[in-house]
Amino acid sequence: MTRIVWMSCLLATACSPVVVESGTVGVRTKWGAAEEKALGQGLYWRTWFAEAIVPMDARVQKLQSASSASSKDLQVVTTTIALNWQIDPSKAPQIYEQIGSVEMVQSNVVEPVLQEAVKTATARFTAEELITKRPEVKHGINEYVSAAVARSHIVVTDLNIVNFEFAPQYQQAIEAKQVAEQHALTAENDLRRIEVEAKQAEAQAQGRANAALIEAKAESERQALLRASMTKELVQWEAIRKWDGRLPQVASDGSTLIDLGLAK
């Protein structure tokens, strides 16, 4: 009876169900050695005591890391990177056998590679270029990390530069330079505005002068035309046409008539 109970307990222990949860992948091991094929989510049976099914998280892992390094112009820069990564589920057995759990993958592979990538990229740019050429810096870090971790069957899904932090003295120098550049830009804009306003005033004055000149020329031409058409007979005719029939109250040589010079 005791033997039967003992055998029943042994079989129950050796043959037990194991559930591989959603978002994870299972690695079946026998005597510590991982089988080549990964197990997708579902129910599996652990068939004997030397066998185990180890779950590995196949979801995207988030890592934020800060790394200090020297720029090309020897300024100390602390760069904060946000990295999203995950294991290749189909390669989970190899990852488990070569590195271990997902936590060990992050601490032993991903973080050291990210630190080295930041130092390498930072050294290629001056402190100012790190800010002005941020997309290029990001691309360099992402390319380095992706290539390095791919050898361990790890996939980078996203990488972003969160922040650059410089030494206080350099940060103050950057802020002072930005303020000076802003003042210079304001002064330059004011100068352009003044130049534009001056040119507008000049154009308006020139326009008024041209208008006055045209008007004067027209008046001169009108006067010249009038003089050219003004004959003696026309003057006499205009005088007669405008006479109202009243004799002028002017005495001359004892006579009240004024010789209009009509009789010749």
C-alpha atoms as a PDB file:
ATOM      1  CA  MET A   1       0.000   0.000   0.000  1.00  0.00           C
ATOM      2  CA  THR A   2       2.774   2.403   0.910  1.00  0.00           C
ATOM      3  CA  ARG A   3       4.527   1.617  -2.345  1.00  0.00           C
ATOM      4  CA  ILE A   4       1.391   2.392  -4.351  1.00  0.00           C
ATOM      5  CA  VAL A   5       0.934   5.749  -2.605  1.00  0.00           C
ATOM      6  CA  TRP A   6       4.597   6.589  -3.158  1.00  0.00           C
ATOM      7  CA  MET A   7       4.374   5.764  -6.862  1.00  0.00           C
ATOM      8  CA  SER A   8       1.187   7.821  -7.239  1.00  0.00           C
ATOM      9  CA  CYS A   9       2.859  10.843  -5.641  1.00  0.00           C
ATOM     10  CA  LEU A  10       5.902  10.413  -7.883  1.00  0.00           C
ATOM     11  CA  LEU A  11       3.791  10.275 -11.023  1.00  0.00           C
ATOM     12  CA  ALA A  12       1.713  13.283  -9.942  1.00  0.00           C
ATOM     13  CA  THR A  13       4.885  15.282  -9.326  1.00  0.00           C
ATOM     14  CA  ALA A  14       6.590  14.168 -12.534  1.00  0.00           C
ATOM     15  CA  CYS A  15       3.628  14.755 -14.806  1.00  0.00           C
ATOM     16  CA  SER A  16       2.264  18.203 -13.972  1.00  0.00           C
ATOM     17  CA  PRO A  17       0.641  20.949 -16.095  1.00  0.00           C
ATOM     18  CA  VAL A  18       2.463  24.188 -16.914  1.00  0.00           C
ATOM     19  CA  VAL A  19       0.742  27.224 -18.468  1.00  0.00           C
ATOM     20  CA  VAL A  20       2.696  29.565 -20.737  1.00  0.00           C
ATOM     21  CA  GLU A  21       0.938  32.899 -20.260  1.00  0.00           C
ATOM     22  CA  SER A  22       0.091  35.445 -22.946  1.00  0.00           C
ATOM     23  CA  GLY A  23       3.027  37.732 -23.672  1.00  0.00           C
ATOM     24  CA  THR A  24       5.560  35.113 -22.658  1.00  0.00           C
ATOM     25  CA  VAL A  25       7.330  32.248 -24.376  1.00  0.00           C
ATOM     26  CA  GLY A  26       8.256  28.917 -22.789  1.00  0.00           C
ATOM     27  CA  VAL A  27      11.649  27.277 -22.783  1.00  0.00           C
ATOM     28  CA  ARG A  28      11.600  23.519 -22.088  1.00  0.00           C
ATOM     29  CA  THR A  29      14.728  22.223 -20.367  1.00  0.00           C
ATOM     30  CA  LYS A  30      15.903  18.710 -19.597  1.00  0.00           C
ATOM     31  CA  TRP A  31      18.672  18.342 -17.078  1.00  0.00           C
ATOM     32  CA  GLY A  32      19.279  22.095 -17.477  1.00  0.00           C
ATOM     33  CA  ALA A  33      19.742  22.014 -21.250  1.00  0.00           C
ATOM     34  CA  ALA A  34      17.238  24.025 -23.306  1.00  0.00           C
ATOM     35  CA  GLU A  35      15.385  22.446 -26.164  1.00  0.00           C
ATOM     36  CA  GLU A  36      15.763  24.177 -29.491  1.00  0.00           C
ATOM     37  CA  LYS A  37      12.061  24.958 -30.072  1.00  0.00           C
ATOM     38  CA  ALA A  38      10.308  27.720 -28.105  1.00  0.00           C
ATOM     39  CA  LEU A  39       6.821  27.103 -26.686  1.00  0.00           C
ATOM     40  CA  GLY A  40       4.054  29.559 -27.482  1.00  0.00           C
ATOM     41  CA  GLN A  41       1.275  30.439 -25.054  1.00  0.00           C
ATOM     42  CA  GLY A  42      -0.871  27.523 -23.923  1.00  0.00           C
ATOM     43  CA  LEU A  43      -0.993  24.487 -21.629  1.00  0.00           C
ATOM     44  CA  TYR A  44       1.905  22.022 -21.520  1.00  0.00           C
ATOM     45  CA  TRP A  45       2.783  18.981 -19.441  1.00  0.00           C
ATOM     46  CA  ARG A  46       6.014  18.581 -17.585  1.00  0.00           C
ATOM     47  CA  THR A  47       6.449  14.847 -18.164  1.00  0.00           C
ATOM     48  CA  TRP A  48       9.187  13.952 -15.698  1.00  0.00           C
ATOM     49  CA  PHE A  49      11.043  15.402 -12.737  1.00  0.00           C
ATOM     50  CA  ALA A  50      14.211  16.357 -14.654  1.00  0.00           C
ATOM     51  CA  GLU A  51      12.209  18.475 -17.075  1.00  0.00           C
ATOM     52  CA  ALA A  52      11.133  22.121 -16.612  1.00  0.00           C
ATOM     53  CA  ILE A  53       9.329  24.770 -18.635  1.00  0.00           C
ATOM     54  CA  VAL A  54      10.765  28.226 -17.996  1.00  0.00           C
ATOM     55  CA  PRO A  55       8.650  31.269 -18.991  1.00  0.00           C
ATOM     56  CA  MET A  56      10.408  34.253 -20.597  1.00  0.00           C
ATOM     57  CA  ASP A  57       8.791  37.655 -21.062  1.00  0.00           C
ATOM     58  CA  ALA A  58       8.500  38.368 -24.792  1.00  0.00           C
ATOM     59  CA  ARG A  59       6.837  41.772 -24.384  1.00  0.00           C
ATOM     60  CA  VAL A  60       8.515  45.117 -25.062  1.00  0.00           C
ATOM     61  CA  GLN A  61      10.823  46.103 -22.207  1.00  0.00           C
ATOM     62  CA  LYS A  62      11.399  49.749 -21.317  1.00  0.00           C
ATOM     63  CA  LEU A  63      14.796  50.959 -20.188  1.00  0.00           C
ATOM     64  CA  GLN A  64      15.805  54.529 -19.318  1.00  0.00           C
ATOM     65  CA  SER A  65      19.497  55.016 -18.782  1.00  0.00           C
ATOM     66  CA  ALA A  66      21.763  58.010 -18.128  1.00  0.00           C
ATOM     67  CA  SER A  67      25.353  57.962 -19.331  1.00  0.00           C
ATOM     68  CA  SER A  68      28.113  60.565 -18.883  1.00  0.00           C
ATOM     69  CA  ALA A  69      30.747  61.027 -21.570  1.00  0.00           C
ATOM     70  CA  SER A  70      32.994  63.666 -23.114  1.00  0.00           C
ATOM     71  CA  SER A  71      32.020  65.431 -26.307  1.00  0.00           C
ATOM     72  CA  LYS A  72      34.372  66.109 -29.193  1.00  0.00           C
ATOM     73  CA  ASP A  73      35.309  69.471 -27.625  1.00  0.00           C
ATOM     74  CA  LEU A  74      35.874  67.756 -24.231  1.00  0.00           C
ATOM     75  CA  GLN A  75      32.688  68.941 -22.533  1.00  0.00           C
ATOM     76  CA  VAL A  76      31.184  66.489 -20.041  1.00  0.00           C
ATOM     77  CA  VAL A  77      27.667  65.566 -21.157  1.00  0.00           C
ATOM     78  CA  THR A  78      25.147  63.361 -19.371  1.00  0.00           C
ATOM     79  CA  THR A  79      22.791  61.817 -21.910  1.00  0.00           C
ATOM     80  CA  THR A  80      19.520  60.210 -20.865  1.00  0.00           C
ATOM     81  CA  ILE A  81      18.207  57.595 -23.304  1.00  0.00           C
ATOM     82  CA  ALA A  82      14.821  55.844 -23.346  1.00  0.00           C
ATOM     83  CA  LEU A  83      15.116  52.462 -25.052  1.00  0.00           C
ATOM     84  CA  ASN A  84      12.379  49.962 -25.912  1.00  0.00           C
ATOM     85  CA  TRP A  85      13.539  46.444 -26.684  1.00  0.00           C
ATOM     86  CA  GLN A  86      12.372  42.830 -26.638  1.00  0.00           C
ATOM     87  CA  ILE A  87      13.749  39.368 -27.144  1.00  0.00           C
ATOM     88  CA  ASP A  88      13.149  37.493 -30.387  1.00  0.00           C
ATOM     89  CA  PRO A  89      10.530  34.958 -29.186  1.00  0.00           C
ATOM     90  CA  SER A  90      11.650  32.311 -31.648  1.00  0.00           C
ATOM     91  CA  LYS A  91      15.176  32.500 -30.196  1.00  0.00           C
ATOM     92  CA  ALA A  92      14.138  32.333 -26.541  1.00  0.00           C
ATOM     93  CA  PRO A  93      15.843  28.929 -25.927  1.00  0.00           C
ATOM     94  CA  GLN A  94      19.180  30.195 -27.259  1.00  0.00           C
ATOM     95  CA  ILE A  95      18.864  33.431 -25.251  1.00  0.00           C
ATOM     96  CA  TYR A  96      18.063  31.498 -22.077  1.00  0.00           C
ATOM     97  CA  GLU A  97      20.919  29.078 -22.584  1.00  0.00           C
ATOM     98  CA  GLN A  98      23.518  31.717 -23.471  1.00  0.00           C
ATOM     99  CA  ILE A  99      22.468  34.638 -21.228  1.00  0.00           C
ATOM    100  CA  GLY A 100      19.649  33.676 -18.879  1.00  0.00           C
ATOM    101  CA  SER A 101      16.428  35.443 -17.902  1.00  0.00           C
ATOM    102  CA  VAL A 102      15.105  38.670 -19.457  1.00  0.00           C
ATOM    103  CA  GLU A 103      16.404  40.606 -16.425  1.00  0.00           C
ATOM    104  CA  MET A 104      19.885  39.214 -17.036  1.00  0.00           C
ATOM    105  CA  VAL A 105      19.596  40.110 -20.726  1.00  0.00           C
ATOM    106  CA  GLN A 106      18.936  43.727 -19.782  1.00  0.00           C
ATOM    107  CA  SER A 107      21.678  44.004 -17.154  1.00  0.00           C
ATOM    108  CA  ASN A 108      24.342  41.953 -18.970  1.00  0.00           C
ATOM    109  CA  VAL A 109      23.736  42.897 -22.602  1.00  0.00           C
ATOM    110  CA  VAL A 110      21.364  45.795 -23.272  1.00  0.00           C
ATOM    111  CA  GLU A 111      22.600  48.286 -20.670  1.00  0.00           C
ATOM    112  CA  PRO A 112      26.350  47.870 -21.383  1.00  0.00           C
ATOM    113  CA  VAL A 113      25.738  48.174 -25.130  1.00  0.00           C
ATOM    114  CA  LEU A 114      23.635  51.314 -24.639  1.00  0.00           C
ATOM    115  CA  GLN A 115      26.329  52.910 -22.436  1.00  0.00           C
ATOM    116  CA  GLU A 116      29.011  52.185 -25.037  1.00  0.00           C
ATOM    117  CA  ALA A 117      26.810  53.482 -27.856  1.00  0.00           C
ATOM    118  CA  VAL A 118      26.210  56.781 -26.064  1.00  0.00           C
ATOM    119  CA  LYS A 119      29.919  57.274 -25.354  1.00  0.00           C
ATOM    120  CA  THR A 120      30.820  56.506 -28.969  1.00  0.00           C
ATOM    121  CA  ALA A 121      28.192  58.844 -30.418  1.00  0.00           C
ATOM    122  CA  THR A 122      28.935  61.665 -27.956  1.00  0.00           C
ATOM    123  CA  ALA A 123      32.629  61.664 -28.842  1.00  0.00           C
ATOM    124  CA  ARG A 124      31.800  62.298 -32.528  1.00  0.00           C
ATOM    125  CA  PHE A 125      30.064  65.634 -31.898  1.00  0.00           C
ATOM    126  CA  THR A 126      30.848  68.886 -30.126  1.00  0.00           C
ATOM    127  CA  ALA A 127      28.596  69.872 -27.231  1.00  0.00           C
ATOM    128  CA  GLU A 128      26.798  72.392 -29.423  1.00  0.00           C
ATOM    129  CA  GLU A 129      26.349  69.860 -32.233  1.00  0.00           C
ATOM    130  CA  LEU A 130      24.739  67.408 -29.821  1.00  0.00           C
ATOM    131  CA  ILE A 131      21.884  69.911 -29.571  1.00  0.00           C
ATOM    132  CA  THR A 132      21.773  71.214 -33.137  1.00  0.00           C
ATOM    133  CA  LYS A 133      22.272  67.763 -34.718  1.00  0.00           C
ATOM    134  CA  ARG A 134      20.099  65.781 -32.322  1.00  0.00           C
ATOM    135  CA  PRO A 135      18.520  63.571 -35.072  1.00  0.00           C
ATOM    136  CA  GLU A 136      21.991  62.527 -36.276  1.00  0.00           C
ATOM    137  CA  VAL A 137      23.089  61.705 -32.720  1.00  0.00           C
ATOM    138  CA  LYS A 138      19.937  59.640 -32.156  1.00  0.00           C
ATOM    139  CA  HIS A 139      20.446  57.772 -35.439  1.00  0.00           C
ATOM    140  CA  GLY A 140      24.049  56.957 -34.524  1.00  0.00           C
ATOM    141  CA  ILE A 141      23.125  55.584 -31.097  1.00  0.00           C
ATOM    142  CA  ASN A 142      20.175  53.604 -32.458  1.00  0.00           C
ATOM    143  CA  GLU A 143      22.253  52.078 -35.255  1.00  0.00           C
ATOM    144  CA  TYR A 144      25.031  51.058 -32.851  1.00  0.00           C
ATOM    145  CA  VAL A 145      22.683  49.517 -30.270  1.00  0.00           C
ATOM    146  CA  SER A 146      20.531  47.692 -32.833  1.00  0.00           C
ATOM    147  CA  ALA A 147      23.511  46.064 -34.521  1.00  0.00           C
ATOM    148  CA  ALA A 148      25.193  45.072 -31.244  1.00  0.00           C
ATOM    149  CA  VAL A 149      22.176  43.497 -29.501  1.00  0.00           C
ATOM    150  CA  ALA A 150      20.992  41.740 -32.669  1.00  0.00           C
ATOM    151  CA  ARG A 151      23.880  39.314 -32.200  1.00  0.00           C
ATOM    152  CA  SER A 152      22.145  38.185 -28.998  1.00  0.00           C
ATOM    153  CA  HIS A 153      18.731  37.865 -30.694  1.00  0.00           C
ATOM    154  CA  ILE A 154      17.433  41.128 -29.190  1.00  0.00           C
ATOM    155  CA  VAL A 155      15.336  43.596 -31.161  1.00  0.00           C
ATOM    156  CA  VAL A 156      15.296  47.385 -30.616  1.00  0.00           C
ATOM    157  CA  THR A 157      11.767  48.720 -31.177  1.00  0.00           C
ATOM    158  CA  ASP A 158      12.342  52.393 -30.311  1.00  0.00           C
ATOM    159  CA  LEU A 159      15.034  54.725 -29.016  1.00  0.00           C
ATOM    160  CA  ASN A 160      14.755  58.374 -27.962  1.00  0.00           C
ATOM    161  CA  ILE A 161      17.085  60.952 -26.479  1.00  0.00           C
ATOM    162  CA  VAL A 162      15.324  62.262 -23.387  1.00  0.00           C
ATOM    163  CA  ASN A 163      17.824  64.936 -22.382  1.00  0.00           C
ATOM    164  CA  PHE A 164      21.348  66.312 -22.635  1.00  0.00           C
ATOM    165  CA  GLU A 165      22.729  67.729 -19.402  1.00  0.00           C
ATOM    166  CA  PHE A 166      25.935  69.769 -19.447  1.00  0.00           C
ATOM    167  CA  ALA A 167      28.189  71.074 -16.703  1.00  0.00           C
ATOM    168  CA  PRO A 168      26.689  74.189 -14.988  1.00  0.00           C
ATOM    169  CA  GLN A 169      29.350  76.526 -16.399  1.00  0.00           C
ATOM    170  CA  TYR A 170      28.803  75.335 -19.952  1.00  0.00           C
ATOM    171  CA  GLN A 171      25.036  75.439 -19.540  1.00  0.00           C
ATOM    172  CA  GLN A 172      25.307  79.089 -18.453  1.00  0.00           C
ATOM    173  CA  ALA A 173      27.539  79.825 -21.437  1.00  0.00           C
ATOM    174  CA  ILE A 174      24.958  78.249 -23.783  1.00  0.00           C
ATOM    175  CA  GLU A 175      22.149  80.296 -22.244  1.00  0.00           C
ATOM    176  CA  ALA A 176      24.211  83.502 -22.479  1.00  0.00           C
ATOM    177  CA  LYS A 177      24.999  82.765 -26.126  1.00  0.00           C
ATOM    178  CA  GLN A 178      21.340  82.135 -26.885  1.00  0.00           C
ATOM    179  CA  VAL A 179      20.372  85.428 -25.228  1.00  0.00           C
ATOM    180  CA  ALA A 180      23.077  87.291 -27.186  1.00  0.00           C
ATOM    181  CA  GLU A 181      21.949  85.680 -30.440  1.00  0.00           C
ATOM    182  CA  GLN A 182      18.356  86.635 -29.686  1.00  0.00           C
ATOM    183  CA  HIS A 183      19.372  90.241 -29.034  1.00  0.00           C
ATOM    184  CA  ALA A 184      21.414  90.301 -32.230  1.00  0.00           C
ATOM    185  CA  LEU A 185      18.500  88.885 -34.176  1.00  0.00           C
ATOM    186  CA  THR A 186      16.164  91.507 -32.682  1.00  0.00           C
ATOM    187  CA  ALA A 187      18.607  94.290 -33.590  1.00  0.00           C
ATOM    188  CA  GLU A 188      18.983  92.922 -37.099  1.00  0.00           C
ATOM    189  CA  ASN A 189      15.214  92.782 -37.522  1.00  0.00           C
ATOM    190  CA  ASP A 190      14.906  96.357 -36.237  1.00  0.00           C
ATOM    191  CA  LEU A 191      17.569  97.504 -38.710  1.00  0.00           C
ATOM    192  CA  ARG A 192      15.761  95.798 -41.576  1.00  0.00           C
ATOM    193  CA  ARG A 193      12.487  97.371 -40.477  1.00  0.00           C
ATOM    194  CA  ILE A 194      14.106 100.832 -40.369  1.00  0.00           C
ATOM    195  CA  GLU A 195      15.656 100.302 -43.801  1.00  0.00           C
ATOM    196  CA  VAL A 196      12.314  99.208 -45.226  1.00  0.00           C
ATOM    197  CA  GLU A 197      10.529 102.196 -43.681  1.00  0.00           C
ATOM    198  CA  ALA A 198      13.223 104.548 -45.007  1.00  0.00           C
ATOM    199  CA  LYS A 199      12.895 103.095 -48.495  1.00  0.00           C
ATOM    200  CA  GLN A 200       9.121 103.426 -48.294  1.00  0.00           C
ATOM    201  CA  ALA A 201       9.435 107.086 -47.221  1.00  0.00           C
ATOM    202  CA  GLU A 202      11.939 107.699 -50.006  1.00  0.00           C
ATOM    203  CA  ALA A 203       9.632 106.086 -52.533  1.00  0.00           C
ATOM    204  CA  GLN A 204       6.701 108.191 -51.316  1.00  0.00           C
ATOM    205  CA  ALA A 205       8.778 111.411 -51.504  1.00  0.00           C
ATOM    206  CA  GLN A 206       9.997 110.468 -54.950  1.00  0.00           C
ATOM    207  CA  GLY A 207       6.437 109.812 -55.989  1.00  0.00           C
ATOM    208  CA  ARG A 208       5.301 113.214 -54.749  1.00  0.00           C
ATOM    209  CA  ALA A 209       8.252 114.891 -56.470  1.00  0.00           C
ATOM    210  CA  ASN A 210       7.510 113.096 -59.720  1.00  0.00           C
ATOM    211  CA  ALA A 211       3.856 114.089 -59.474  1.00  0.00           C
ATOM    212  CA  ALA A 212       4.784 117.723 -58.843  1.00  0.00           C
ATOM    213  CA  LEU A 213       7.226 117.666 -61.741  1.00  0.00           C
ATOM    214  CA  ILE A 214       4.609 116.212 -64.056  1.00  0.00           C
ATOM    215  CA  GLU A 215       2.096 118.830 -62.917  1.00  0.00           C
ATOM    216  CA  ALA A 216       4.606 121.656 -63.392  1.00  0.00           C
ATOM    217  CA  LYS A 217       5.536 120.370 -66.825  1.00  0.00           C
ATOM    218  CA  ALA A 218       1.897 120.159 -67.791  1.00  0.00           C
ATOM    219  CA  GLU A 219       1.293 123.709 -66.559  1.00  0.00           C
ATOM    220  CA  SER A 220       4.384 124.939 -68.418  1.00  0.00           C
ATOM    221  CA  GLU A 221       3.193 123.271 -71.597  1.00  0.00           C
ATOM    222  CA  ARG A 222      -0.265 124.764 -71.108  1.00  0.00           C
ATOM    223  CA  GLN A 223       1.187 128.244 -70.640  1.00  0.00           C
ATOM    224  CA  ALA A 224       3.443 127.806 -73.655  1.00  0.00           C
ATOM    225  CA  LEU A 225       0.491 126.689 -75.740  1.00  0.00           C
ATOM    226  CA  LEU A 226      -1.540 129.653 -74.492  1.00  0.00           C
ATOM    227  CA  ARG A 227       1.228 132.107 -75.337  1.00  0.00           C
ATOM    228  CA  ALA A 228       1.664 130.568 -78.760  1.00  0.00           C
ATOM    229  CA  SER A 229      -2.029 130.986 -79.502  1.00  0.00           C
ATOM    230  CA  MET A 230      -2.363 134.519 -78.040  1.00  0.00           C
ATOM    231  CA  THR A 231      -2.478 136.978 -81.036  1.00  0.00           C
ATOM    232  CA  LYS A 232      -3.178 140.727 -80.986  1.00  0.00           C
ATOM    233  CA  GLU A 233      -6.539 140.279 -82.658  1.00  0.00           C
ATOM    234  CA  LEU A 234      -7.515 137.636 -80.083  1.00  0.00           C
ATOM    235  CA  VAL A 235      -6.649 139.983 -77.223  1.00  0.00           C
ATOM    236  CA  GLN A 236      -8.742 142.766 -78.759  1.00  0.00           C
ATOM    237  CA  TRP A 237     -11.614 140.367 -79.392  1.00  0.00           C
ATOM    238  CA  GLU A 238     -11.523 139.125 -75.811  1.00  0.00           C
ATOM    239  CA  ALA A 239     -11.562 142.748 -74.555  1.00  0.00           C
ATOM    240  CA  ILE A 240     -14.603 143.604 -76.697  1.00  0.00           C
ATOM    241  CA  ARG A 241     -16.364 140.358 -75.785  1.00  0.00           C
ATOM    242  CA  LYS A 242     -15.971 141.049 -72.111  1.00  0.00           C
ATOM    243  CA  TRP A 243     -16.923 144.777 -72.333  1.00  0.00           C
ATOM    244  CA  ASP A 244     -20.243 145.418 -70.568  1.00  0.00           C
ATOM    245  CA  GLY A 245     -21.071 148.549 -72.591  1.00  0.00           C
ATOM    246  CA  ARG A 246     -20.211 151.029 -69.888  1.00  0.00           C
ATOM    247  CA  LEU A 247     -17.620 153.638 -70.541  1.00  0.00           C
ATOM    248  CA  PRO A 248     -14.750 153.770 -68.162  1.00  0.00           C
ATOM    249  CA  GLN A 249     -14.694 156.693 -65.754  1.00  0.00           C
ATOM    250  CA  VAL A 250     -11.238 157.797 -66.815  1.00  0.00           C
ATOM    251  CA  ALA A 251     -10.376 161.141 -68.329  1.00  0.00           C
ATOM    252  CA  SER A 252      -7.661 161.481 -70.907  1.00  0.00           C
ATOM    253  CA  ASP A 253      -6.818 164.538 -73.014  1.00  0.00           C
ATOM    254  CA  GLY A 254     -10.197 166.004 -72.204  1.00  0.00           C
ATOM    255  CA  SER A 255     -12.010 162.956 -73.537  1.00  0.00           C
ATOM    256  CA  THR A 256     -13.737 160.075 -71.716  1.00  0.00           C
ATOM    257  CA  LEU A 257     -13.024 157.503 -74.384  1.00  0.00           C
ATOM    258  CA  ILE A 258     -10.080 155.218 -74.278  1.00  0.00           C
ATOM    259  CA  ASP A 259      -8.443 154.278 -77.513  1.00  0.00           C
ATOM    260  CA  LEU A 260      -8.621 150.502 -77.728  1.00  0.00           C
ATOM    261  CA  GLY A 261      -6.321 150.646 -80.728  1.00  0.00           C
ATOM    262  CA  LEU A 262      -8.973 149.168 -82.986  1.00  0.00           C
ATOM    263  CA  ALA A 263      -8.626 151.823 -85.691  1.00  0.00           C
ATOM    264  CA  LYS A 264      -5.425 151.540 -87.536  1.00  0.00           C
END
